[in-house]
Amino acid sequence: MLLALDRRINQSNKSRSFKTKDNCTLEQNELIALQKELKQLRIETDAIKQAALIMA
């Protein structure tokens, strides 16, 4: 618990923020963005599949 608190304090001192996105590396932020995009694309693909089933 204390180690996690120290890490959060160090991160906030560097970035002046407690937000996760402000304390991530560029690669981590890109990974998060890609995961969100993948989730959205899967939702859209499922919707298209459902529409195709209804139309068939």
PDB file of N, CA and C in Angstrom:
ATOM      1  N   MET A   1       0.837  -1.204   0.000  1.00  0.00           N
ATOM      2  CA  MET A   1       0.000   0.000   0.000  1.00  0.00           C
ATOM      3  C   MET A   1       0.870   1.251   0.000  1.00  0.00           C
ATOM      4  N   LEU A   2       1.899   1.239   0.836  1.00  0.00           N
ATOM      5  CA  LEU A   2       2.766   2.401   0.932  1.00  0.00           C
ATOM      6  C   LEU A   2       3.553   2.604  -0.353  1.00  0.00           C
ATOM      7  N   LEU A   3       3.971   1.495  -0.967  1.00  0.00           N
ATOM      8  CA  LEU A   3       4.716   1.574  -2.225  1.00  0.00           C
ATOM      9  C   LEU A   3       3.845   2.169  -3.332  1.00  0.00           C
ATOM     10  N   ALA A   4       2.589   1.760  -3.382  1.00  0.00           N
ATOM     11  CA  ALA A   4       1.667   2.302  -4.385  1.00  0.00           C
ATOM     12  C   ALA A   4       1.450   3.796  -4.166  1.00  0.00           C
ATOM     13  N   LEU A   5       1.343   4.206  -2.938  1.00  0.00           N
ATOM     14  CA  LEU A   5       1.158   5.624  -2.631  1.00  0.00           C
ATOM     15  C   LEU A   5       2.385   6.425  -3.033  1.00  0.00           C
ATOM     16  N   ASP A   6       3.561   5.894  -2.754  1.00  0.00           N
ATOM     17  CA  ASP A   6       4.798   6.562  -3.165  1.00  0.00           C
ATOM     18  C   ASP A   6       4.858   6.704  -4.681  1.00  0.00           C
ATOM     19  N   ARG A   7       4.476   5.658  -5.392  1.00  0.00           N
ATOM     20  CA  ARG A   7       4.501   5.696  -6.846  1.00  0.00           C
ATOM     21  C   ARG A   7       3.548   6.773  -7.366  1.00  0.00           C
ATOM     22  N   ARG A   8       2.348   6.845  -6.797  1.00  0.00           N
ATOM     23  CA  ARG A   8       1.360   7.847  -7.225  1.00  0.00           C
ATOM     24  C   ARG A   8       1.869   9.268  -6.945  1.00  0.00           C
ATOM     25  N   ILE A   9       2.517   9.459  -5.811  1.00  0.00           N
ATOM     26  CA  ILE A   9       3.049  10.779  -5.478  1.00  0.00           C
ATOM     27  C   ILE A   9       4.153  11.164  -6.456  1.00  0.00           C
ATOM     28  N   ASN A  10       5.032  10.223  -6.771  1.00  0.00           N
ATOM     29  CA  ASN A  10       6.106  10.497  -7.737  1.00  0.00           C
ATOM     30  C   ASN A  10       5.534  10.827  -9.110  1.00  0.00           C
ATOM     31  N   GLN A  11       4.518  10.078  -9.532  1.00  0.00           N
ATOM     32  CA  GLN A  11       3.893  10.346 -10.826  1.00  0.00           C
ATOM     33  C   GLN A  11       3.261  11.736 -10.847  1.00  0.00           C
ATOM     34  N   SER A  12       2.581  12.086  -9.770  1.00  0.00           N
ATOM     35  CA  SER A  12       1.913  13.390  -9.738  1.00  0.00           C
ATOM     36  C   SER A  12       2.933  14.525  -9.704  1.00  0.00           C
ATOM     37  N   ASN A  13       4.075  14.283  -9.095  1.00  0.00           N
ATOM     38  CA  ASN A  13       5.120  15.312  -9.083  1.00  0.00           C
ATOM     39  C   ASN A  13       5.689  15.531 -10.484  1.00  0.00           C
ATOM     40  N   LYS A  14       5.775  14.472 -11.265  1.00  0.00           N
ATOM     41  CA  LYS A  14       6.320  14.585 -12.623  1.00  0.00           C
ATOM     42  C   LYS A  14       5.313  15.220 -13.575  1.00  0.00           C
ATOM     43  N   SER A  15       4.076  14.756 -13.541  1.00  0.00           N
ATOM     44  CA  SER A  15       3.083  15.214 -14.518  1.00  0.00           C
ATOM     45  C   SER A  15       2.121  16.256 -13.963  1.00  0.00           C
ATOM     46  N   ARG A  16       2.158  16.484 -12.682  1.00  0.00           N
ATOM     47  CA  ARG A  16       1.234  17.416 -12.014  1.00  0.00           C
ATOM     48  C   ARG A  16      -0.216  16.976 -12.161  1.00  0.00           C
ATOM     49  N   SER A  17      -0.413  15.664 -12.236  1.00  0.00           N
ATOM     50  CA  SER A  17      -1.768  15.150 -12.402  1.00  0.00           C
ATOM     51  C   SER A  17      -1.872  13.769 -11.770  1.00  0.00           C
ATOM     52  N   PHE A  18      -3.065  13.442 -11.288  1.00  0.00           N
ATOM     53  CA  PHE A  18      -3.328  12.103 -10.775  1.00  0.00           C
ATOM     54  C   PHE A  18      -4.078  11.257 -11.789  1.00  0.00           C
ATOM     55  N   LYS A  19      -4.403  11.822 -12.955  1.00  0.00           N
ATOM     56  CA  LYS A  19      -5.119  11.073 -13.979  1.00  0.00           C
ATOM     57  C   LYS A  19      -4.205  10.006 -14.576  1.00  0.00           C
ATOM     58  N   THR A  20      -4.762   8.823 -14.803  1.00  0.00           N
ATOM     59  CA  THR A  20      -3.984   7.713 -15.322  1.00  0.00           C
ATOM     60  C   THR A  20      -3.369   8.042 -16.672  1.00  0.00           C
ATOM     61  N   LYS A  21      -4.154   8.652 -17.563  1.00  0.00           N
ATOM     62  CA  LYS A  21      -3.648   8.935 -18.908  1.00  0.00           C
ATOM     63  C   LYS A  21      -2.488   9.911 -18.892  1.00  0.00           C
ATOM     64  N   ASP A  22      -2.422  10.775 -17.907  1.00  0.00           N
ATOM     65  CA  ASP A  22      -1.321  11.727 -17.817  1.00  0.00           C
ATOM     66  C   ASP A  22      -0.049  11.095 -17.272  1.00  0.00           C
ATOM     67  N   ASN A  23      -0.182   9.950 -16.633  1.00  0.00           N
ATOM     68  CA  ASN A  23       0.956   9.295 -16.004  1.00  0.00           C
ATOM     69  C   ASN A  23       1.407   8.041 -16.737  1.00  0.00           C
ATOM     70  N   CYS A  24       0.930   7.846 -17.955  1.00  0.00           N
ATOM     71  CA  CYS A  24       1.322   6.694 -18.762  1.00  0.00           C
ATOM     72  C   CYS A  24       2.347   7.106 -19.805  1.00  0.00           C
ATOM     73  N   THR A  25       3.097   6.120 -20.275  1.00  0.00           N
ATOM     74  CA  THR A  25       4.032   6.389 -21.365  1.00  0.00           C
ATOM     75  C   THR A  25       3.244   6.532 -22.663  1.00  0.00           C
ATOM     76  N   LEU A  26       3.902   7.008 -23.691  1.00  0.00           N
ATOM     77  CA  LEU A  26       3.248   7.140 -24.991  1.00  0.00           C
ATOM     78  C   LEU A  26       2.757   5.788 -25.488  1.00  0.00           C
ATOM     79  N   GLU A  27       3.556   4.751 -25.280  1.00  0.00           N
ATOM     80  CA  GLU A  27       3.170   3.413 -25.715  1.00  0.00           C
ATOM     81  C   GLU A  27       1.940   2.914 -24.960  1.00  0.00           C
ATOM     82  N   GLN A  28       1.882   3.182 -23.673  1.00  0.00           N
ATOM     83  CA  GLN A  28       0.728   2.767 -22.884  1.00  0.00           C
ATOM     84  C   GLN A  28      -0.529   3.511 -23.327  1.00  0.00           C
ATOM     85  N   ASN A  29      -0.392   4.809 -23.593  1.00  0.00           N
ATOM     86  CA  ASN A  29      -1.541   5.587 -24.073  1.00  0.00           C
ATOM     87  C   ASN A  29      -2.011   5.089 -25.427  1.00  0.00           C
ATOM     88  N   GLU A  30      -1.054   4.738 -26.299  1.00  0.00           N
ATOM     89  CA  GLU A  30      -1.423   4.213 -27.615  1.00  0.00           C
ATOM     90  C   GLU A  30      -2.127   2.872 -27.485  1.00  0.00           C
ATOM     91  N   LEU A  31      -1.646   2.019 -26.584  1.00  0.00           N
ATOM     92  CA  LEU A  31      -2.280   0.727 -26.351  1.00  0.00           C
ATOM     93  C   LEU A  31      -3.712   0.904 -25.844  1.00  0.00           C
ATOM     94  N   ILE A  32      -3.921   1.832 -24.936  1.00  0.00           N
ATOM     95  CA  ILE A  32      -5.259   2.098 -24.409  1.00  0.00           C
ATOM     96  C   ILE A  32      -6.181   2.568 -25.524  1.00  0.00           C
ATOM     97  N   ALA A  33      -5.675   3.480 -26.372  1.00  0.00           N
ATOM     98  CA  ALA A  33      -6.481   3.986 -27.489  1.00  0.00           C
ATOM     99  C   ALA A  33      -6.819   2.866 -28.466  1.00  0.00           C
ATOM    100  N   LEU A  34      -5.855   2.001 -28.757  1.00  0.00           N
ATOM    101  CA  LEU A  34      -6.102   0.893 -29.680  1.00  0.00           C
ATOM    102  C   LEU A  34      -7.103  -0.111 -29.104  1.00  0.00           C
ATOM    103  N   GLN A  35      -7.040  -0.345 -27.798  1.00  0.00           N
ATOM    104  CA  GLN A  35      -8.000  -1.243 -27.161  1.00  0.00           C
ATOM    105  C   GLN A  35      -9.413  -0.674 -27.239  1.00  0.00           C
ATOM    106  N   LYS A  36      -9.549   0.635 -27.043  1.00  0.00           N
ATOM    107  CA  LYS A  36     -10.862   1.274 -27.158  1.00  0.00           C
ATOM    108  C   LYS A  36     -11.382   1.182 -28.582  1.00  0.00           C
ATOM    109  N   GLU A  37     -10.488   1.407 -29.555  1.00  0.00           N
ATOM    110  CA  GLU A  37     -10.884   1.328 -30.957  1.00  0.00           C
ATOM    111  C   GLU A  37     -11.308  -0.090 -31.321  1.00  0.00           C
ATOM    112  N   LEU A  38     -10.560  -1.079 -30.846  1.00  0.00           N
ATOM    113  CA  LEU A  38     -10.901  -2.473 -31.111  1.00  0.00           C
ATOM    114  C   LEU A  38     -12.270  -2.824 -30.533  1.00  0.00           C
ATOM    115  N   LYS A  39     -12.541  -2.366 -29.328  1.00  0.00           N
ATOM    116  CA  LYS A  39     -13.836  -2.624 -28.698  1.00  0.00           C
ATOM    117  C   LYS A  39     -14.965  -2.018 -29.530  1.00  0.00           C
ATOM    118  N   GLN A  40     -14.765  -0.773 -29.990  1.00  0.00           N
ATOM    119  CA  GLN A  40     -15.782  -0.103 -30.804  1.00  0.00           C
ATOM    120  C   GLN A  40     -15.986  -0.844 -32.121  1.00  0.00           C
ATOM    121  N   LEU A  41     -14.910  -1.271 -32.761  1.00  0.00           N
ATOM    122  CA  LEU A  41     -15.027  -1.995 -34.024  1.00  0.00           C
ATOM    123  C   LEU A  41     -15.742  -3.327 -33.848  1.00  0.00           C
ATOM    124  N   ARG A  42     -15.505  -3.991 -32.728  1.00  0.00           N
ATOM    125  CA  ARG A  42     -16.208  -5.260 -32.466  1.00  0.00           C
ATOM    126  C   ARG A  42     -17.705  -5.016 -32.289  1.00  0.00           C
ATOM    127  N   ILE A  43     -18.061  -3.937 -31.612  1.00  0.00           N
ATOM    128  CA  ILE A  43     -19.471  -3.591 -31.436  1.00  0.00           C
ATOM    129  C   ILE A  43     -20.113  -3.317 -32.795  1.00  0.00           C
ATOM    130  N   GLU A  44     -19.414  -2.549 -33.632  1.00  0.00           N
ATOM    131  CA  GLU A  44     -19.949  -2.229 -34.953  1.00  0.00           C
ATOM    132  C   GLU A  44     -20.077  -3.483 -35.818  1.00  0.00           C
ATOM    133  N   THR A  45     -19.086  -4.370 -35.741  1.00  0.00           N
ATOM    134  CA  THR A  45     -19.132  -5.612 -36.512  1.00  0.00           C
ATOM    135  C   THR A  45     -20.315  -6.470 -36.083  1.00  0.00           C
ATOM    136  N   ASP A  46     -20.547  -6.564 -34.789  1.00  0.00           N
ATOM    137  CA  ASP A  46     -21.689  -7.334 -34.289  1.00  0.00           C
ATOM    138  C   ASP A  46     -23.007  -6.741 -34.780  1.00  0.00           C
ATOM    139  N   ALA A  47     -23.091  -5.414 -34.805  1.00  0.00           N
ATOM    140  CA  ALA A  47     -24.310  -4.754 -35.285  1.00  0.00           C
ATOM    141  C   ALA A  47     -24.532  -5.049 -36.761  1.00  0.00           C
ATOM    142  N   ILE A  48     -23.478  -5.036 -37.548  1.00  0.00           N
ATOM    143  CA  ILE A  48     -23.594  -5.337 -38.977  1.00  0.00           C
ATOM    144  C   ILE A  48     -24.000  -6.780 -39.177  1.00  0.00           C
ATOM    145  N   LYS A  49     -23.451  -7.677 -38.392  1.00  0.00           N
ATOM    146  CA  LYS A  49     -23.832  -9.100 -38.504  1.00  0.00           C
ATOM    147  C   LYS A  49     -25.320  -9.282 -38.182  1.00  0.00           C
ATOM    148  N   GLN A  50     -25.787  -8.610 -37.161  1.00  0.00           N
ATOM    149  CA  GLN A  50     -27.193  -8.694 -36.791  1.00  0.00           C
ATOM    150  C   GLN A  50     -28.081  -8.145 -37.908  1.00  0.00           C
ATOM    151  N   ALA A  51     -27.672  -7.036 -38.497  1.00  0.00           N
ATOM    152  CA  ALA A  51     -28.436  -6.443 -39.583  1.00  0.00           C
ATOM    153  C   ALA A  51     -28.466  -7.387 -40.789  1.00  0.00           C
ATOM    154  N   ALA A  52     -27.367  -8.045 -41.062  1.00  0.00           N
ATOM    155  CA  ALA A  52     -27.294  -8.985 -42.182  1.00  0.00           C
ATOM    156  C   ALA A  52     -28.236 -10.176 -41.940  1.00  0.00           C
ATOM    157  N   LEU A  53     -28.306 -10.624 -40.705  1.00  0.00           N
ATOM    158  CA  LEU A  53     -29.206 -11.736 -40.381  1.00  0.00           C
ATOM    159  C   LEU A  53     -30.667 -11.331 -40.564  1.00  0.00           C
ATOM    160  N   ILE A  54     -30.985 -10.115 -40.170  1.00  0.00           N
ATOM    161  CA  ILE A  54     -32.359  -9.632 -40.298  1.00  0.00           C
ATOM    162  C   ILE A  54     -32.742  -9.474 -41.768  1.00  0.00           C
ATOM    163  N   MET A  55     -31.811  -8.978 -42.573  1.00  0.00           N
ATOM    164  CA  MET A  55     -32.074  -8.749 -43.992  1.00  0.00           C
ATOM    165  C   MET A  55     -32.167 -10.063 -44.792  1.00  0.00           C
ATOM    166  N   ALA A  56     -31.524 -11.093 -44.296  1.00  0.00           N
ATOM    167  CA  ALA A  56     -31.474 -12.360 -45.053  1.00  0.00           C
ATOM    168  C   ALA A  56     -32.768 -13.120 -45.018  1.00  0.00           C
TER     169      ALA A  56
END
